[in-house]
């Protein structure tokens, strides 16, 4: 919990994911990930995106950011994580964003 207040964005994001995976506390993890994802480089946030998908519909607030990730990210492997997360969080929003198929 203390690491959520560190200045290092990557450490904060990883701490949020750890808290989510240990406690299942979406309300603690989600705000940190929402804040840090836009300013974090592509290859440092893949585990965050997987964790958001694990949260499922409880992470619905991240759908706009995931749509942005679809437009901004360039690495195909990361885009696969984004599309999988979108499908798990909000299948309708995924379809509206042009996400097709069942890659999960």
PDB file of N, CA and C in Angstrom:
ATOM      1  N   UNK A   1       0.825  -1.207   0.000  1.00  0.00           N
ATOM      2  CA  UNK A   1       0.000   0.000   0.000  1.00  0.00           C
ATOM      3  C   UNK A   1       0.866   1.267   0.000  1.00  0.00           C
ATOM      4  N   UNK A   2       1.992   1.211   0.690  1.00  0.00           N
ATOM      5  CA  UNK A   2       2.862   2.388   0.743  1.00  0.00           C
ATOM      6  C   UNK A   2       3.422   2.737  -0.638  1.00  0.00           C
ATOM      7  N   UNK A   3       3.670   1.733  -1.448  1.00  0.00           N
ATOM      8  CA  UNK A   3       4.249   1.974  -2.770  1.00  0.00           C
ATOM      9  C   UNK A   3       3.288   2.708  -3.699  1.00  0.00           C
ATOM     10  N   UNK A   4       2.009   2.715  -3.393  1.00  0.00           N
ATOM     11  CA  UNK A   4       1.042   3.456  -4.207  1.00  0.00           C
ATOM     12  C   UNK A   4       1.293   4.960  -4.177  1.00  0.00           C
ATOM     13  N   UNK A   5       2.072   5.399  -3.210  1.00  0.00           N
ATOM     14  CA  UNK A   5       2.345   6.830  -3.053  1.00  0.00           C
ATOM     15  C   UNK A   5       3.755   7.218  -3.487  1.00  0.00           C
ATOM     16  N   UNK A   6       4.484   6.282  -4.066  1.00  0.00           N
ATOM     17  CA  UNK A   6       5.832   6.567  -4.558  1.00  0.00           C
ATOM     18  C   UNK A   6       5.762   7.446  -5.808  1.00  0.00           C
ATOM     19  N   UNK A   7       6.843   8.121  -6.118  1.00  0.00           N
ATOM     20  CA  UNK A   7       6.864   8.976  -7.309  1.00  0.00           C
ATOM     21  C   UNK A   7       7.086   8.175  -8.590  1.00  0.00           C
ATOM     22  N   UNK A   8       7.655   6.996  -8.498  1.00  0.00           N
ATOM     23  CA  UNK A   8       7.919   6.157  -9.659  1.00  0.00           C
ATOM     24  C   UNK A   8       6.608   5.566 -10.182  1.00  0.00           C
ATOM     25  N   UNK A   9       6.199   5.971 -11.379  1.00  0.00           N
ATOM     26  CA  UNK A   9       4.911   5.545 -11.949  1.00  0.00           C
ATOM     27  C   UNK A   9       4.841   4.036 -12.153  1.00  0.00           C
ATOM     28  N   UNK A  10       5.932   3.438 -12.607  1.00  0.00           N
ATOM     29  CA  UNK A  10       5.938   1.998 -12.838  1.00  0.00           C
ATOM     30  C   UNK A  10       5.740   1.244 -11.527  1.00  0.00           C
ATOM     31  N   UNK A  11       6.432   1.667 -10.485  1.00  0.00           N
ATOM     32  CA  UNK A  11       6.284   1.042  -9.168  1.00  0.00           C
ATOM     33  C   UNK A  11       4.850   1.177  -8.660  1.00  0.00           C
ATOM     34  N   UNK A  12       4.269   2.339  -8.855  1.00  0.00           N
ATOM     35  CA  UNK A  12       2.878   2.544  -8.434  1.00  0.00           C
ATOM     36  C   UNK A  12       1.935   1.616  -9.184  1.00  0.00           C
ATOM     37  N   UNK A  13       2.116   1.493 -10.498  1.00  0.00           N
ATOM     38  CA  UNK A  13       1.268   0.616 -11.296  1.00  0.00           C
ATOM     39  C   UNK A  13       1.423  -0.842 -10.900  1.00  0.00           C
ATOM     40  N   UNK A  14       2.663  -1.283 -10.737  1.00  0.00           N
ATOM     41  CA  UNK A  14       2.902  -2.668 -10.341  1.00  0.00           C
ATOM     42  C   UNK A  14       2.329  -2.951  -8.949  1.00  0.00           C
ATOM     43  N   UNK A  15       2.420  -1.978  -8.063  1.00  0.00           N
ATOM     44  CA  UNK A  15       1.854  -2.136  -6.721  1.00  0.00           C
ATOM     45  C   UNK A  15       0.341  -2.257  -6.787  1.00  0.00           C
ATOM     46  N   UNK A  16      -0.274  -1.456  -7.642  1.00  0.00           N
ATOM     47  CA  UNK A  16      -1.733  -1.524  -7.803  1.00  0.00           C
ATOM     48  C   UNK A  16      -2.151  -2.898  -8.309  1.00  0.00           C
ATOM     49  N   UNK A  17      -1.403  -3.431  -9.271  1.00  0.00           N
ATOM     50  CA  UNK A  17      -1.712  -4.765  -9.799  1.00  0.00           C
ATOM     51  C   UNK A  17      -1.545  -5.821  -8.705  1.00  0.00           C
ATOM     52  N   UNK A  18      -0.480  -5.715  -7.927  1.00  0.00           N
ATOM     53  CA  UNK A  18      -0.259  -6.679  -6.838  1.00  0.00           C
ATOM     54  C   UNK A  18      -1.394  -6.623  -5.820  1.00  0.00           C
ATOM     55  N   UNK A  19      -1.812  -5.420  -5.475  1.00  0.00           N
ATOM     56  CA  UNK A  19      -2.925  -5.274  -4.527  1.00  0.00           C
ATOM     57  C   UNK A  19      -4.180  -5.910  -5.104  1.00  0.00           C
ATOM     58  N   UNK A  20      -4.454  -5.659  -6.391  1.00  0.00           N
ATOM     59  CA  UNK A  20      -5.627  -6.259  -7.033  1.00  0.00           C
ATOM     60  C   UNK A  20      -5.558  -7.784  -6.959  1.00  0.00           C
ATOM     61  N   UNK A  21      -4.417  -8.326  -7.315  1.00  0.00           N
ATOM     62  CA  UNK A  21      -4.301  -9.788  -7.384  1.00  0.00           C
ATOM     63  C   UNK A  21      -4.320 -10.447  -6.006  1.00  0.00           C
ATOM     64  N   UNK A  22      -3.865  -9.755  -5.005  1.00  0.00           N
ATOM     65  CA  UNK A  22      -3.854 -10.326  -3.657  1.00  0.00           C
ATOM     66  C   UNK A  22      -5.198 -10.142  -2.954  1.00  0.00           C
ATOM     67  N   UNK A  23      -5.773  -8.938  -3.083  1.00  0.00           N
ATOM     68  CA  UNK A  23      -6.979  -8.619  -2.307  1.00  0.00           C
ATOM     69  C   UNK A  23      -8.258  -8.565  -3.128  1.00  0.00           C
ATOM     70  N   UNK A  24      -8.138  -8.376  -4.442  1.00  0.00           N
ATOM     71  CA  UNK A  24      -9.322  -8.206  -5.271  1.00  0.00           C
ATOM     72  C   UNK A  24      -9.944  -6.822  -5.140  1.00  0.00           C
ATOM     73  N   UNK A  25      -9.193  -5.876  -4.608  1.00  0.00           N
ATOM     74  CA  UNK A  25      -9.700  -4.519  -4.390  1.00  0.00           C
ATOM     75  C   UNK A  25      -9.589  -3.674  -5.662  1.00  0.00           C
ATOM     76  N   UNK A  26     -10.649  -3.640  -6.417  1.00  0.00           N
ATOM     77  CA  UNK A  26     -10.686  -2.826  -7.635  1.00  0.00           C
ATOM     78  C   UNK A  26     -10.616  -1.344  -7.280  1.00  0.00           C
ATOM     79  N   UNK A  27     -11.294  -0.939  -6.226  1.00  0.00           N
ATOM     80  CA  UNK A  27     -11.352   0.482  -5.856  1.00  0.00           C
ATOM     81  C   UNK A  27      -9.990   1.047  -5.477  1.00  0.00           C
ATOM     82  N   UNK A  28      -9.067   0.214  -5.066  1.00  0.00           N
ATOM     83  CA  UNK A  28      -7.714   0.666  -4.745  1.00  0.00           C
ATOM     84  C   UNK A  28      -6.840   0.672  -5.987  1.00  0.00           C
ATOM     85  N   UNK A  29      -6.924  -0.367  -6.781  1.00  0.00           N
ATOM     86  CA  UNK A  29      -6.030  -0.526  -7.924  1.00  0.00           C
ATOM     87  C   UNK A  29      -6.434   0.303  -9.141  1.00  0.00           C
ATOM     88  N   UNK A  30      -7.701   0.328  -9.454  1.00  0.00           N
ATOM     89  CA  UNK A  30      -8.164   0.954 -10.692  1.00  0.00           C
ATOM     90  C   UNK A  30      -7.789   2.430 -10.815  1.00  0.00           C
ATOM     91  N   UNK A  31      -7.982   3.259  -9.799  1.00  0.00           N
ATOM     92  CA  UNK A  31      -7.618   4.678  -9.961  1.00  0.00           C
ATOM     93  C   UNK A  31      -6.135   4.895 -10.274  1.00  0.00           C
ATOM     94  N   UNK A  32      -5.284   4.083  -9.682  1.00  0.00           N
ATOM     95  CA  UNK A  32      -3.848   4.220  -9.953  1.00  0.00           C
ATOM     96  C   UNK A  32      -3.553   3.865 -11.401  1.00  0.00           C
ATOM     97  N   UNK A  33      -4.117   2.770 -11.872  1.00  0.00           N
ATOM     98  CA  UNK A  33      -3.873   2.350 -13.249  1.00  0.00           C
ATOM     99  C   UNK A  33      -4.450   3.345 -14.249  1.00  0.00           C
ATOM    100  N   UNK A  34      -5.617   3.874 -13.954  1.00  0.00           N
ATOM    101  CA  UNK A  34      -6.210   4.894 -14.833  1.00  0.00           C
ATOM    102  C   UNK A  34      -5.326   6.130 -14.932  1.00  0.00           C
ATOM    103  N   UNK A  35      -4.734   6.503 -13.820  1.00  0.00           N
ATOM    104  CA  UNK A  35      -3.896   7.703 -13.797  1.00  0.00           C
ATOM    105  C   UNK A  35      -2.555   7.477 -14.479  1.00  0.00           C
ATOM    106  N   UNK A  36      -1.965   6.321 -14.293  1.00  0.00           N
ATOM    107  CA  UNK A  36      -0.598   6.092 -14.769  1.00  0.00           C
ATOM    108  C   UNK A  36      -0.499   5.529 -16.185  1.00  0.00           C
ATOM    109  N   UNK A  37      -1.524   4.825 -16.672  1.00  0.00           N
ATOM    110  CA  UNK A  37      -1.441   4.223 -18.001  1.00  0.00           C
ATOM    111  C   UNK A  37      -1.143   5.215 -19.124  1.00  0.00           C
ATOM    112  N   UNK A  38      -1.804   6.364 -19.171  1.00  0.00           N
ATOM    113  CA  UNK A  38      -1.563   7.280 -20.298  1.00  0.00           C
ATOM    114  C   UNK A  38      -0.129   7.804 -20.382  1.00  0.00           C
ATOM    115  N   UNK A  39       0.580   7.830 -19.278  1.00  0.00           N
ATOM    116  CA  UNK A  39       1.923   8.410 -19.275  1.00  0.00           C
ATOM    117  C   UNK A  39       3.028   7.359 -19.207  1.00  0.00           C
ATOM    118  N   UNK A  40       2.666   6.101 -19.347  1.00  0.00           N
ATOM    119  CA  UNK A  40       3.639   5.018 -19.234  1.00  0.00           C
ATOM    120  C   UNK A  40       3.905   4.421 -20.618  1.00  0.00           C
ATOM    121  N   UNK A  41       5.153   4.122 -20.903  1.00  0.00           N
ATOM    122  CA  UNK A  41       5.504   3.578 -22.215  1.00  0.00           C
ATOM    123  C   UNK A  41       4.867   2.207 -22.425  1.00  0.00           C
ATOM    124  N   UNK A  42       4.670   1.879 -23.700  1.00  0.00           N
ATOM    125  CA  UNK A  42       3.940   0.670 -24.090  1.00  0.00           C
ATOM    126  C   UNK A  42       4.423  -0.603 -23.407  1.00  0.00           C
ATOM    127  N   UNK A  43       5.710  -0.860 -23.477  1.00  0.00           N
ATOM    128  CA  UNK A  43       6.179  -2.158 -22.992  1.00  0.00           C
ATOM    129  C   UNK A  43       6.298  -2.249 -21.474  1.00  0.00           C
ATOM    130  N   UNK A  44       5.894  -1.210 -20.766  1.00  0.00           N
ATOM    131  CA  UNK A  44       5.902  -1.257 -19.303  1.00  0.00           C
ATOM    132  C   UNK A  44       4.518  -1.470 -18.701  1.00  0.00           C
ATOM    133  N   UNK A  45       3.475  -1.423 -19.510  1.00  0.00           N
ATOM    134  CA  UNK A  45       2.126  -1.480 -18.935  1.00  0.00           C
ATOM    135  C   UNK A  45       1.336  -2.730 -19.315  1.00  0.00           C
ATOM    136  N   UNK A  46       1.965  -3.693 -19.971  1.00  0.00           N
ATOM    137  CA  UNK A  46       1.236  -4.873 -20.429  1.00  0.00           C
ATOM    138  C   UNK A  46       0.579  -5.631 -19.286  1.00  0.00           C
ATOM    139  N   UNK A  47       1.275  -5.790 -18.152  1.00  0.00           N
ATOM    140  CA  UNK A  47       0.696  -6.524 -17.028  1.00  0.00           C
ATOM    141  C   UNK A  47      -0.472  -5.759 -16.418  1.00  0.00           C
ATOM    142  N   UNK A  48      -0.423  -4.455 -16.490  1.00  0.00           N
ATOM    143  CA  UNK A  48      -1.527  -3.635 -15.987  1.00  0.00           C
ATOM    144  C   UNK A  48      -2.780  -3.905 -16.814  1.00  0.00           C
ATOM    145  N   UNK A  49      -2.593  -3.994 -18.122  1.00  0.00           N
ATOM    146  CA  UNK A  49      -3.717  -4.225 -19.028  1.00  0.00           C
ATOM    147  C   UNK A  49      -4.307  -5.616 -18.801  1.00  0.00           C
ATOM    148  N   UNK A  50      -3.445  -6.597 -18.589  1.00  0.00           N
ATOM    149  CA  UNK A  50      -3.939  -7.941 -18.266  1.00  0.00           C
ATOM    150  C   UNK A  50      -4.754  -7.906 -16.980  1.00  0.00           C
ATOM    151  N   UNK A  51      -4.258  -7.219 -15.967  1.00  0.00           N
ATOM    152  CA  UNK A  51      -4.968  -7.122 -14.684  1.00  0.00           C
ATOM    153  C   UNK A  51      -6.323  -6.438 -14.856  1.00  0.00           C
ATOM    154  N   UNK A  52      -6.377  -5.413 -15.687  1.00  0.00           N
ATOM    155  CA  UNK A  52      -7.661  -4.744 -15.939  1.00  0.00           C
ATOM    156  C   UNK A  52      -8.658  -5.719 -16.548  1.00  0.00           C
ATOM    157  N   UNK A  53      -8.196  -6.549 -17.475  1.00  0.00           N
ATOM    158  CA  UNK A  53      -9.059  -7.576 -18.048  1.00  0.00           C
ATOM    159  C   UNK A  53      -9.526  -8.561 -16.992  1.00  0.00           C
ATOM    160  N   UNK A  54      -8.653  -8.910 -16.065  1.00  0.00           N
ATOM    161  CA  UNK A  54      -9.020  -9.814 -14.971  1.00  0.00           C
ATOM    162  C   UNK A  54     -10.134  -9.222 -14.116  1.00  0.00           C
ATOM    163  N   UNK A  55     -10.149  -7.907 -13.989  1.00  0.00           N
ATOM    164  CA  UNK A  55     -11.182  -7.237 -13.190  1.00  0.00           C
ATOM    165  C   UNK A  55     -12.550  -7.335 -13.848  1.00  0.00           C
ATOM    166  N   UNK A  56     -12.552  -7.553 -15.154  1.00  0.00           N
ATOM    167  CA  UNK A  56     -13.815  -7.690 -15.869  1.00  0.00           C
ATOM    168  C   UNK A  56     -14.653  -6.422 -15.801  1.00  0.00           C
ATOM    169  N   UNK A  57     -15.982  -6.565 -15.765  1.00  0.00           N
ATOM    170  CA  UNK A  57     -16.877  -5.409 -15.775  1.00  0.00           C
ATOM    171  C   UNK A  57     -16.648  -4.408 -14.642  1.00  0.00           C
ATOM    172  N   UNK A  58     -15.993  -4.833 -13.585  1.00  0.00           N
ATOM    173  CA  UNK A  58     -15.714  -3.887 -12.485  1.00  0.00           C
ATOM    174  C   UNK A  58     -14.720  -2.809 -12.908  1.00  0.00           C
ATOM    175  N   UNK A  59     -14.017  -3.020 -14.004  1.00  0.00           N
ATOM    176  CA  UNK A  59     -13.054  -2.038 -14.505  1.00  0.00           C
ATOM    177  C   UNK A  59     -13.627  -1.220 -15.657  1.00  0.00           C
ATOM    178  N   UNK A  60     -14.923  -1.119 -15.731  1.00  0.00           N
ATOM    179  CA  UNK A  60     -15.582  -0.430 -16.846  1.00  0.00           C
ATOM    180  C   UNK A  60     -15.085   1.003 -17.055  1.00  0.00           C
ATOM    181  N   UNK A  61     -14.643   1.654 -16.000  1.00  0.00           N
ATOM    182  CA  UNK A  61     -14.158   3.036 -16.117  1.00  0.00           C
ATOM    183  C   UNK A  61     -12.927   3.154 -17.014  1.00  0.00           C
ATOM    184  N   UNK A  62     -12.240   2.056 -17.278  1.00  0.00           N
ATOM    185  CA  UNK A  62     -11.024   2.094 -18.085  1.00  0.00           C
ATOM    186  C   UNK A  62     -11.314   1.932 -19.579  1.00  0.00           C
ATOM    187  N   UNK A  63     -12.541   1.657 -19.954  1.00  0.00           N
ATOM    188  CA  UNK A  63     -12.870   1.425 -21.367  1.00  0.00           C
ATOM    189  C   UNK A  63     -12.412   2.582 -22.264  1.00  0.00           C
ATOM    190  N   UNK A  64     -12.665   3.842 -21.932  1.00  0.00           N
ATOM    191  CA  UNK A  64     -12.174   4.924 -22.809  1.00  0.00           C
ATOM    192  C   UNK A  64     -10.648   4.901 -22.973  1.00  0.00           C
ATOM    193  N   UNK A  65      -9.932   4.601 -21.908  1.00  0.00           N
ATOM    194  CA  UNK A  65      -8.470   4.546 -22.007  1.00  0.00           C
ATOM    195  C   UNK A  65      -8.023   3.377 -22.875  1.00  0.00           C
ATOM    196  N   UNK A  66      -8.687   2.244 -22.769  1.00  0.00           N
ATOM    197  CA  UNK A  66      -8.327   1.101 -23.604  1.00  0.00           C
ATOM    198  C   UNK A  66      -8.599   1.398 -25.076  1.00  0.00           C
ATOM    199  N   UNK A  67      -9.671   2.119 -25.353  1.00  0.00           N
ATOM    200  CA  UNK A  67      -9.939   2.532 -26.739  1.00  0.00           C
ATOM    201  C   UNK A  67      -8.813   3.435 -27.246  1.00  0.00           C
ATOM    202  N   UNK A  68      -8.333   4.316 -26.399  1.00  0.00           N
ATOM    203  CA  UNK A  68      -7.209   5.176 -26.756  1.00  0.00           C
ATOM    204  C   UNK A  68      -5.955   4.344 -27.008  1.00  0.00           C
ATOM    205  N   UNK A  69      -5.742   3.337 -26.163  1.00  0.00           N
ATOM    206  CA  UNK A  69      -4.590   2.447 -26.346  1.00  0.00           C
ATOM    207  C   UNK A  69      -4.642   1.774 -27.724  1.00  0.00           C
ATOM    208  N   UNK A  70      -5.836   1.397 -28.167  1.00  0.00           N
ATOM    209  CA  UNK A  70      -5.972   0.768 -29.481  1.00  0.00           C
ATOM    210  C   UNK A  70      -5.480   1.672 -30.605  1.00  0.00           C
ATOM    211  N   UNK A  71      -5.648   2.969 -30.423  1.00  0.00           N
ATOM    212  CA  UNK A  71      -5.244   3.932 -31.448  1.00  0.00           C
ATOM    213  C   UNK A  71      -3.782   4.345 -31.332  1.00  0.00           C
ATOM    214  N   UNK A  72      -3.238   4.310 -30.116  1.00  0.00           N
ATOM    215  CA  UNK A  72      -1.896   4.841 -29.896  1.00  0.00           C
ATOM    216  C   UNK A  72      -0.805   3.780 -29.886  1.00  0.00           C
ATOM    217  N   UNK A  73      -1.093   2.621 -29.343  1.00  0.00           N
ATOM    218  CA  UNK A  73      -0.060   1.603 -29.204  1.00  0.00           C
ATOM    219  C   UNK A  73       0.286   1.014 -30.566  1.00  0.00           C
ATOM    220  N   UNK A  74       1.526   0.636 -30.731  1.00  0.00           N
ATOM    221  CA  UNK A  74       2.007   0.121 -32.011  1.00  0.00           C
ATOM    222  C   UNK A  74       2.416  -1.348 -31.949  1.00  0.00           C
ATOM    223  N   UNK A  75       2.693  -1.854 -30.778  1.00  0.00           N
ATOM    224  CA  UNK A  75       3.163  -3.236 -30.658  1.00  0.00           C
ATOM    225  C   UNK A  75       1.980  -4.206 -30.702  1.00  0.00           C
ATOM    226  N   UNK A  76       1.998  -5.127 -31.659  1.00  0.00           N
ATOM    227  CA  UNK A  76       0.868  -6.038 -31.834  1.00  0.00           C
ATOM    228  C   UNK A  76       0.600  -6.874 -30.586  1.00  0.00           C
ATOM    229  N   UNK A  77       1.644  -7.318 -29.916  1.00  0.00           N
ATOM    230  CA  UNK A  77       1.441  -8.143 -28.726  1.00  0.00           C
ATOM    231  C   UNK A  77       0.714  -7.359 -27.635  1.00  0.00           C
ATOM    232  N   UNK A  78       0.995  -6.064 -27.525  1.00  0.00           N
ATOM    233  CA  UNK A  78       0.300  -5.244 -26.543  1.00  0.00           C
ATOM    234  C   UNK A  78      -1.139  -4.996 -26.971  1.00  0.00           C
ATOM    235  N   UNK A  79      -1.349  -4.767 -28.249  1.00  0.00           N
ATOM    236  CA  UNK A  79      -2.711  -4.582 -28.749  1.00  0.00           C
ATOM    237  C   UNK A  79      -3.560  -5.826 -28.505  1.00  0.00           C
ATOM    238  N   UNK A  80      -2.948  -7.005 -28.565  1.00  0.00           N
ATOM    239  CA  UNK A  80      -3.676  -8.237 -28.234  1.00  0.00           C
ATOM    240  C   UNK A  80      -4.151  -8.213 -26.784  1.00  0.00           C
ATOM    241  N   UNK A  81      -3.294  -7.758 -25.878  1.00  0.00           N
ATOM    242  CA  UNK A  81      -3.703  -7.646 -24.468  1.00  0.00           C
ATOM    243  C   UNK A  81      -4.831  -6.636 -24.302  1.00  0.00           C
ATOM    244  N   UNK A  82      -4.739  -5.528 -25.026  1.00  0.00           N
ATOM    245  CA  UNK A  82      -5.779  -4.494 -24.941  1.00  0.00           C
ATOM    246  C   UNK A  82      -7.117  -5.039 -25.441  1.00  0.00           C
ATOM    247  N   UNK A  83      -7.099  -5.708 -26.583  1.00  0.00           N
ATOM    248  CA  UNK A  83      -8.359  -6.236 -27.112  1.00  0.00           C
ATOM    249  C   UNK A  83      -8.946  -7.303 -26.197  1.00  0.00           C
ATOM    250  N   UNK A  84      -8.092  -8.146 -25.629  1.00  0.00           N
ATOM    251  CA  UNK A  84      -8.585  -9.155 -24.691  1.00  0.00           C
ATOM    252  C   UNK A  84      -9.203  -8.499 -23.459  1.00  0.00           C
ATOM    253  N   UNK A  85      -8.557  -7.462 -22.938  1.00  0.00           N
ATOM    254  CA  UNK A  85      -9.093  -6.763 -21.772  1.00  0.00           C
ATOM    255  C   UNK A  85     -10.427  -6.115 -22.103  1.00  0.00           C
ATOM    256  N   UNK A  86     -10.508  -5.458 -23.245  1.00  0.00           N
ATOM    257  CA  UNK A  86     -11.765  -4.824 -23.652  1.00  0.00           C
ATOM    258  C   UNK A  86     -12.902  -5.842 -23.739  1.00  0.00           C
ATOM    259  N   UNK A  87     -12.616  -6.989 -24.332  1.00  0.00           N
ATOM    260  CA  UNK A  87     -13.646  -8.036 -24.442  1.00  0.00           C
ATOM    261  C   UNK A  87     -14.127  -8.497 -23.077  1.00  0.00           C
ATOM    262  N   UNK A  88     -13.214  -8.627 -22.146  1.00  0.00           N
ATOM    263  CA  UNK A  88     -13.576  -9.123 -20.813  1.00  0.00           C
ATOM    264  C   UNK A  88     -14.308  -8.065 -19.986  1.00  0.00           C
ATOM    265  N   UNK A  89     -13.969  -6.804 -20.192  1.00  0.00           N
ATOM    266  CA  UNK A  89     -14.580  -5.725 -19.413  1.00  0.00           C
ATOM    267  C   UNK A  89     -15.942  -5.351 -19.980  1.00  0.00           C
ATOM    268  N   UNK A  90     -15.995  -5.136 -21.294  1.00  0.00           N
ATOM    269  CA  UNK A  90     -17.241  -4.687 -21.914  1.00  0.00           C
ATOM    270  C   UNK A  90     -17.279  -5.166 -23.362  1.00  0.00           C
ATOM    271  N   UNK A  91     -17.837  -6.356 -23.613  1.00  0.00           N
ATOM    272  CA  UNK A  91     -17.855  -6.897 -24.971  1.00  0.00           C
ATOM    273  C   UNK A  91     -18.520  -5.971 -25.987  1.00  0.00           C
ATOM    274  N   UNK A  92     -19.549  -5.251 -25.578  1.00  0.00           N
ATOM    275  CA  UNK A  92     -20.226  -4.338 -26.500  1.00  0.00           C
ATOM    276  C   UNK A  92     -19.309  -3.176 -26.889  1.00  0.00           C
ATOM    277  N   UNK A  93     -18.612  -2.612 -25.910  1.00  0.00           N
ATOM    278  CA  UNK A  93     -17.666  -1.529 -26.204  1.00  0.00           C
ATOM    279  C   UNK A  93     -16.530  -2.039 -27.083  1.00  0.00           C
ATOM    280  N   UNK A  94     -16.114  -3.279 -26.867  1.00  0.00           N
ATOM    281  CA  UNK A  94     -15.070  -3.874 -27.707  1.00  0.00           C
ATOM    282  C   UNK A  94     -15.544  -3.965 -29.151  1.00  0.00           C
ATOM    283  N   UNK A  95     -16.767  -4.426 -29.345  1.00  0.00           N
ATOM    284  CA  UNK A  95     -17.316  -4.537 -30.699  1.00  0.00           C
ATOM    285  C   UNK A  95     -17.419  -3.159 -31.349  1.00  0.00           C
ATOM    286  N   UNK A  96     -17.847  -2.158 -30.595  1.00  0.00           N
ATOM    287  CA  UNK A  96     -17.952  -0.794 -31.124  1.00  0.00           C
ATOM    288  C   UNK A  96     -16.587  -0.238 -31.502  1.00  0.00           C
ATOM    289  N   UNK A  97     -15.538  -0.700 -30.819  1.00  0.00           N
ATOM    290  CA  UNK A  97     -14.180  -0.242 -31.114  1.00  0.00           C
ATOM    291  C   UNK A  97     -13.556  -1.021 -32.269  1.00  0.00           C
ATOM    292  N   UNK A  98     -14.316  -1.976 -32.815  1.00  0.00           N
ATOM    293  CA  UNK A  98     -13.827  -2.739 -33.947  1.00  0.00           C
ATOM    294  C   UNK A  98     -13.078  -4.003 -33.573  1.00  0.00           C
ATOM    295  N   UNK A  99     -13.127  -4.367 -32.289  1.00  0.00           N
ATOM    296  CA  UNK A  99     -12.455  -5.581 -31.833  1.00  0.00           C
ATOM    297  C   UNK A  99     -13.301  -6.774 -32.239  1.00  0.00           C
ATOM    298  N   UNK A 100     -12.700  -7.686 -32.960  1.00  0.00           N
ATOM    299  CA  UNK A 100     -13.420  -8.863 -33.434  1.00  0.00           C
ATOM    300  C   UNK A 100     -12.713 -10.122 -32.984  1.00  0.00           C
ATOM    301  N   UNK A 101     -13.448 -11.226 -33.050  1.00  0.00           N
ATOM    302  CA  UNK A 101     -12.855 -12.524 -32.766  1.00  0.00           C
ATOM    303  C   UNK A 101     -12.751 -12.825 -31.289  1.00  0.00           C
ATOM    304  N   UNK A 102     -12.275 -14.025 -31.009  1.00  0.00           N
ATOM    305  CA  UNK A 102     -12.143 -14.510 -29.643  1.00  0.00           C
ATOM    306  C   UNK A 102     -10.699 -14.927 -29.401  1.00  0.00           C
ATOM    307  N   UNK A 103      -9.843 -14.019 -29.042  1.00  0.00           N
ATOM    308  CA  UNK A 103      -8.435 -14.336 -28.859  1.00  0.00           C
ATOM    309  C   UNK A 103      -8.098 -14.725 -27.423  1.00  0.00           C
ATOM    310  N   UNK A 104      -8.915 -14.368 -26.497  1.00  0.00           N
ATOM    311  CA  UNK A 104      -8.646 -14.548 -25.075  1.00  0.00           C
ATOM    312  C   UNK A 104      -7.858 -15.779 -24.840  1.00  0.00           C
TER     313      UNK A 104
END
